[in-house]
Amino acid sequence: MQFISSYFVLVHFDFFNSKFNSIQSKWTQT
């Protein structure tokens, strides 16, 4: 159960990270 939970957190973090990266790149472009 802990493995699934940690995996879910990892995927969630990765998704958040990519989203944040795209926003940051947009900001730096302007």
PDB file of N, CA and C in Angstrom:
ATOM      1  N   MET A   1       0.840  -1.202   0.000  1.00  0.00           N
ATOM      2  CA  MET A   1       0.000   0.000   0.000  1.00  0.00           C
ATOM      3  C   MET A   1       0.876   1.254   0.000  1.00  0.00           C
ATOM      4  N   GLN A   2       1.952   1.218   0.747  1.00  0.00           N
ATOM      5  CA  GLN A   2       2.827   2.380   0.819  1.00  0.00           C
ATOM      6  C   GLN A   2       3.488   2.641  -0.535  1.00  0.00           C
ATOM      7  N   PHE A   3       3.779   1.570  -1.252  1.00  0.00           N
ATOM      8  CA  PHE A   3       4.413   1.716  -2.559  1.00  0.00           C
ATOM      9  C   PHE A   3       3.488   2.466  -3.509  1.00  0.00           C
ATOM     10  N   ILE A   4       2.215   2.105  -3.509  1.00  0.00           N
ATOM     11  CA  ILE A   4       1.247   2.781  -4.382  1.00  0.00           C
ATOM     12  C   ILE A   4       1.120   4.245  -3.977  1.00  0.00           C
ATOM     13  N   SER A   5       1.074   4.482  -2.689  1.00  0.00           N
ATOM     14  CA  SER A   5       0.931   5.850  -2.202  1.00  0.00           C
ATOM     15  C   SER A   5       2.132   6.697  -2.596  1.00  0.00           C
ATOM     16  N   SER A   6       3.326   6.170  -2.427  1.00  0.00           N
ATOM     17  CA  SER A   6       4.537   6.918  -2.789  1.00  0.00           C
ATOM     18  C   SER A   6       4.594   7.140  -4.296  1.00  0.00           C
ATOM     19  N   TYR A   7       4.161   6.142  -5.052  1.00  0.00           N
ATOM     20  CA  TYR A   7       4.145   6.267  -6.511  1.00  0.00           C
ATOM     21  C   TYR A   7       3.181   7.367  -6.931  1.00  0.00           C
ATOM     22  N   PHE A   8       2.026   7.411  -6.296  1.00  0.00           N
ATOM     23  CA  PHE A   8       1.027   8.434  -6.606  1.00  0.00           C
ATOM     24  C   PHE A   8       1.582   9.823  -6.315  1.00  0.00           C
ATOM     25  N   VAL A   9       2.253   9.949  -5.191  1.00  0.00           N
ATOM     26  CA  VAL A   9       2.844  11.237  -4.820  1.00  0.00           C
ATOM     27  C   VAL A   9       3.899  11.644  -5.842  1.00  0.00           C
ATOM     28  N   LEU A  10       4.689  10.678  -6.261  1.00  0.00           N
ATOM     29  CA  LEU A  10       5.746  10.966  -7.231  1.00  0.00           C
ATOM     30  C   LEU A  10       5.154  11.470  -8.545  1.00  0.00           C
ATOM     31  N   VAL A  11       4.129  10.793  -9.021  1.00  0.00           N
ATOM     32  CA  VAL A  11       3.479  11.204 -10.272  1.00  0.00           C
ATOM     33  C   VAL A  11       2.851  12.585 -10.115  1.00  0.00           C
ATOM     34  N   HIS A  12       2.216  12.803  -8.979  1.00  0.00           N
ATOM     35  CA  HIS A  12       1.575  14.088  -8.717  1.00  0.00           C
ATOM     36  C   HIS A  12       2.625  15.205  -8.703  1.00  0.00           C
ATOM     37  N   PHE A  13       3.744  14.933  -8.059  1.00  0.00           N
ATOM     38  CA  PHE A  13       4.817  15.914  -7.981  1.00  0.00           C
ATOM     39  C   PHE A  13       5.383  16.208  -9.366  1.00  0.00           C
ATOM     40  N   ASP A  14       5.541  15.171 -10.167  1.00  0.00           N
ATOM     41  CA  ASP A  14       6.069  15.331 -11.519  1.00  0.00           C
ATOM     42  C   ASP A  14       5.130  16.189 -12.351  1.00  0.00           C
ATOM     43  N   PHE A  15       3.847  15.948 -12.219  1.00  0.00           N
ATOM     44  CA  PHE A  15       2.850  16.727 -12.958  1.00  0.00           C
ATOM     45  C   PHE A  15       2.905  18.186 -12.528  1.00  0.00           C
ATOM     46  N   PHE A  16       2.991  18.417 -11.236  1.00  0.00           N
ATOM     47  CA  PHE A  16       3.076  19.772 -10.703  1.00  0.00           C
ATOM     48  C   PHE A  16       4.346  20.463 -11.184  1.00  0.00           C
ATOM     49  N   ASN A  17       5.432  19.714 -11.199  1.00  0.00           N
ATOM     50  CA  ASN A  17       6.716  20.260 -11.609  1.00  0.00           C
ATOM     51  C   ASN A  17       6.682  20.713 -13.059  1.00  0.00           C
ATOM     52  N   SER A  18       6.133  19.893 -13.934  1.00  0.00           N
ATOM     53  CA  SER A  18       6.054  20.241 -15.354  1.00  0.00           C
ATOM     54  C   SER A  18       5.153  21.455 -15.552  1.00  0.00           C
ATOM     55  N   LYS A  19       4.066  21.505 -14.791  1.00  0.00           N
ATOM     56  CA  LYS A  19       3.152  22.636 -14.899  1.00  0.00           C
ATOM     57  C   LYS A  19       3.865  23.915 -14.473  1.00  0.00           C
ATOM     58  N   PHE A  20       4.583  23.837 -13.367  1.00  0.00           N
ATOM     59  CA  PHE A  20       5.311  24.988 -12.857  1.00  0.00           C
ATOM     60  C   PHE A  20       6.392  25.423 -13.845  1.00  0.00           C
ATOM     61  N   ASN A  21       7.041  24.453 -14.461  1.00  0.00           N
ATOM     62  CA  ASN A  21       8.089  24.752 -15.432  1.00  0.00           C
ATOM     63  C   ASN A  21       7.533  25.494 -16.629  1.00  0.00           C
ATOM     64  N   SER A  22       6.390  25.060 -17.127  1.00  0.00           N
ATOM     65  CA  SER A  22       5.777  25.708 -18.285  1.00  0.00           C
ATOM     66  C   SER A  22       5.388  27.143 -17.940  1.00  0.00           C
ATOM     67  N   ILE A  23       4.856  27.331 -16.737  1.00  0.00           N
ATOM     68  CA  ILE A  23       4.471  28.680 -16.306  1.00  0.00           C
ATOM     69  C   ILE A  23       5.710  29.562 -16.186  1.00  0.00           C
ATOM     70  N   GLN A  24       6.764  29.012 -15.622  1.00  0.00           N
ATOM     71  CA  GLN A  24       8.000  29.768 -15.443  1.00  0.00           C
ATOM     72  C   GLN A  24       8.588  30.165 -16.793  1.00  0.00           C
ATOM     73  N   SER A  25       8.584  29.246 -17.732  1.00  0.00           N
ATOM     74  CA  SER A  25       9.131  29.538 -19.058  1.00  0.00           C
ATOM     75  C   SER A  25       8.301  30.621 -19.738  1.00  0.00           C
ATOM     76  N   LYS A  26       7.003  30.607 -19.517  1.00  0.00           N
ATOM     77  CA  LYS A  26       6.142  31.638 -20.102  1.00  0.00           C
ATOM     78  C   LYS A  26       6.493  33.001 -19.517  1.00  0.00           C
ATOM     79  N   TRP A  27       6.723  33.015 -18.221  1.00  0.00           N
ATOM     80  CA  TRP A  27       7.049  34.269 -17.554  1.00  0.00           C
ATOM     81  C   TRP A  27       8.391  34.813 -18.033  1.00  0.00           C
ATOM     82  N   THR A  28       9.339  33.937 -18.217  1.00  0.00           N
ATOM     83  CA  THR A  28      10.671  34.381 -18.630  1.00  0.00           C
ATOM     84  C   THR A  28      10.669  34.833 -20.084  1.00  0.00           C
ATOM     85  N   GLN A  29       9.731  34.337 -20.864  1.00  0.00           N
ATOM     86  CA  GLN A  29       9.661  34.728 -22.274  1.00  0.00           C
ATOM     87  C   GLN A  29       9.218  36.178 -22.417  1.00  0.00           C
ATOM     88  N   THR A  30       8.266  36.616 -21.589  1.00  0.00           N
ATOM     89  CA  THR A  30       7.748  37.976 -21.699  1.00  0.00           C
ATOM     90  C   THR A  30       8.741  38.987 -21.156  1.00  0.00           C
TER      91      THR A  30
END
